[in-house]
């Protein structure tokens, strides 16, 4: 899974990329404000503590998200990536 700080229509978001897996899609869809971007071909969630906490809760236990990187994810106009 890869998480990136992005901006969509002037709104800060976190792009969440992963190989297609129905279970992961279902978990991401449970995060408030999660949206699929046809343009980016990736899911994105609000750039907020609440959304990050939901992402962490859903994926940290399986080691799917590198939390040390996500904790330091800062929004800039260029994409910042955690892998």
Protein backbone atom coordinates (compact mmCIF):
# COMPACT_ATOMS: atom_id res chain seq x y z
CA UNK A 1 0.00 0.00 0.00
CA UNK A 2 1.21 3.50 -0.83
CA UNK A 3 -0.16 6.72 0.69
CA UNK A 4 0.56 10.15 -0.80
CA UNK A 5 -0.35 13.70 0.15
CA UNK A 6 -2.20 15.26 -2.81
CA UNK A 7 -4.56 18.09 -3.69
CA UNK A 8 -7.83 17.55 -5.58
CA UNK A 9 -9.91 20.56 -6.59
CA UNK A 10 -8.11 22.70 -4.00
CA UNK A 11 -8.69 20.17 -1.19
CA UNK A 12 -5.89 18.38 0.65
CA UNK A 13 -6.36 14.60 0.44
CA UNK A 14 -4.40 11.39 1.01
CA UNK A 15 -4.19 9.15 -2.05
CA UNK A 16 -4.22 5.48 -1.08
CA UNK A 17 -2.90 3.06 -3.71
CA UNK A 18 -2.81 -0.73 -3.60
CA UNK A 19 -3.21 -3.70 -5.94
CA UNK A 20 -6.91 -4.48 -6.34
CA UNK A 21 -8.24 -6.50 -3.43
CA UNK A 22 -11.98 -6.48 -2.67
CA UNK A 23 -11.38 -6.70 1.11
CA UNK A 24 -9.07 -3.67 1.08
CA UNK A 25 -11.52 -1.71 -1.10
CA UNK A 26 -14.32 -2.49 1.36
CA UNK A 27 -12.15 -1.31 4.28
CA UNK A 28 -11.12 1.92 2.54
CA UNK A 29 -14.77 2.63 1.66
CA UNK A 30 -15.55 2.57 5.40
CA UNK A 31 -13.31 5.61 5.97
CA UNK A 32 -15.45 8.73 6.14
CA UNK A 33 -15.07 10.82 3.00
CA UNK A 34 -13.29 8.10 1.00
CA UNK A 35 -13.62 8.60 -2.75
CA UNK A 36 -12.49 6.79 -5.88
CA UNK A 37 -10.73 8.98 -8.45
CA UNK A 38 -11.13 7.79 -12.03
CA UNK A 39 -8.45 10.27 -13.08
CA UNK A 40 -5.87 9.02 -10.55
CA UNK A 41 -7.19 5.44 -10.61
CA UNK A 42 -6.82 5.40 -6.84
CA UNK A 43 -8.78 5.89 -3.66
CA UNK A 44 -8.36 9.09 -1.67
CA UNK A 45 -9.41 10.07 1.83
CA UNK A 46 -9.58 13.42 3.62
CA UNK A 47 -6.28 14.86 4.81
CA UNK A 48 -7.36 14.77 8.45
CA UNK A 49 -6.42 13.16 11.73
CA UNK A 50 -9.75 11.30 11.81
CA UNK A 51 -9.28 9.77 8.37
CA UNK A 52 -5.68 8.90 9.19
CA UNK A 53 -6.80 7.22 12.41
CA UNK A 54 -9.35 5.16 10.47
CA UNK A 55 -6.68 4.19 7.93
CA UNK A 56 -4.33 3.24 10.75
CA UNK A 57 -7.01 1.22 12.53
CA UNK A 58 -7.93 -0.65 9.35
CA UNK A 59 -4.43 -1.46 8.13
CA UNK A 60 -1.79 -1.06 10.85
CA UNK A 61 -2.49 -4.41 12.48
CA UNK A 62 -1.67 -6.19 9.22
CA UNK A 63 1.38 -4.02 8.62
CA UNK A 64 -0.15 -2.70 5.42
CA UNK A 65 0.70 0.94 6.12
CA UNK A 66 4.12 2.21 7.16
CA UNK A 67 2.99 4.32 10.11
CA UNK A 68 6.35 5.89 10.82
CA UNK A 69 6.21 7.42 7.36
CA UNK A 70 2.51 8.35 7.54
CA UNK A 71 2.99 10.05 10.91
CA UNK A 72 5.52 12.34 9.23
CA UNK A 73 3.51 12.85 6.04
CA UNK A 74 3.33 16.57 5.42
CA UNK A 75 1.29 18.17 2.69
CA UNK A 76 3.17 20.12 0.07
CA UNK A 77 2.28 21.06 -3.47
CA UNK A 78 4.34 18.09 -4.63
CA UNK A 79 3.35 14.55 -3.92
CA UNK A 80 4.89 12.99 -0.82
CA UNK A 81 4.96 9.22 -0.72
CA UNK A 82 5.00 6.59 1.99
CA UNK A 83 5.60 2.99 0.96
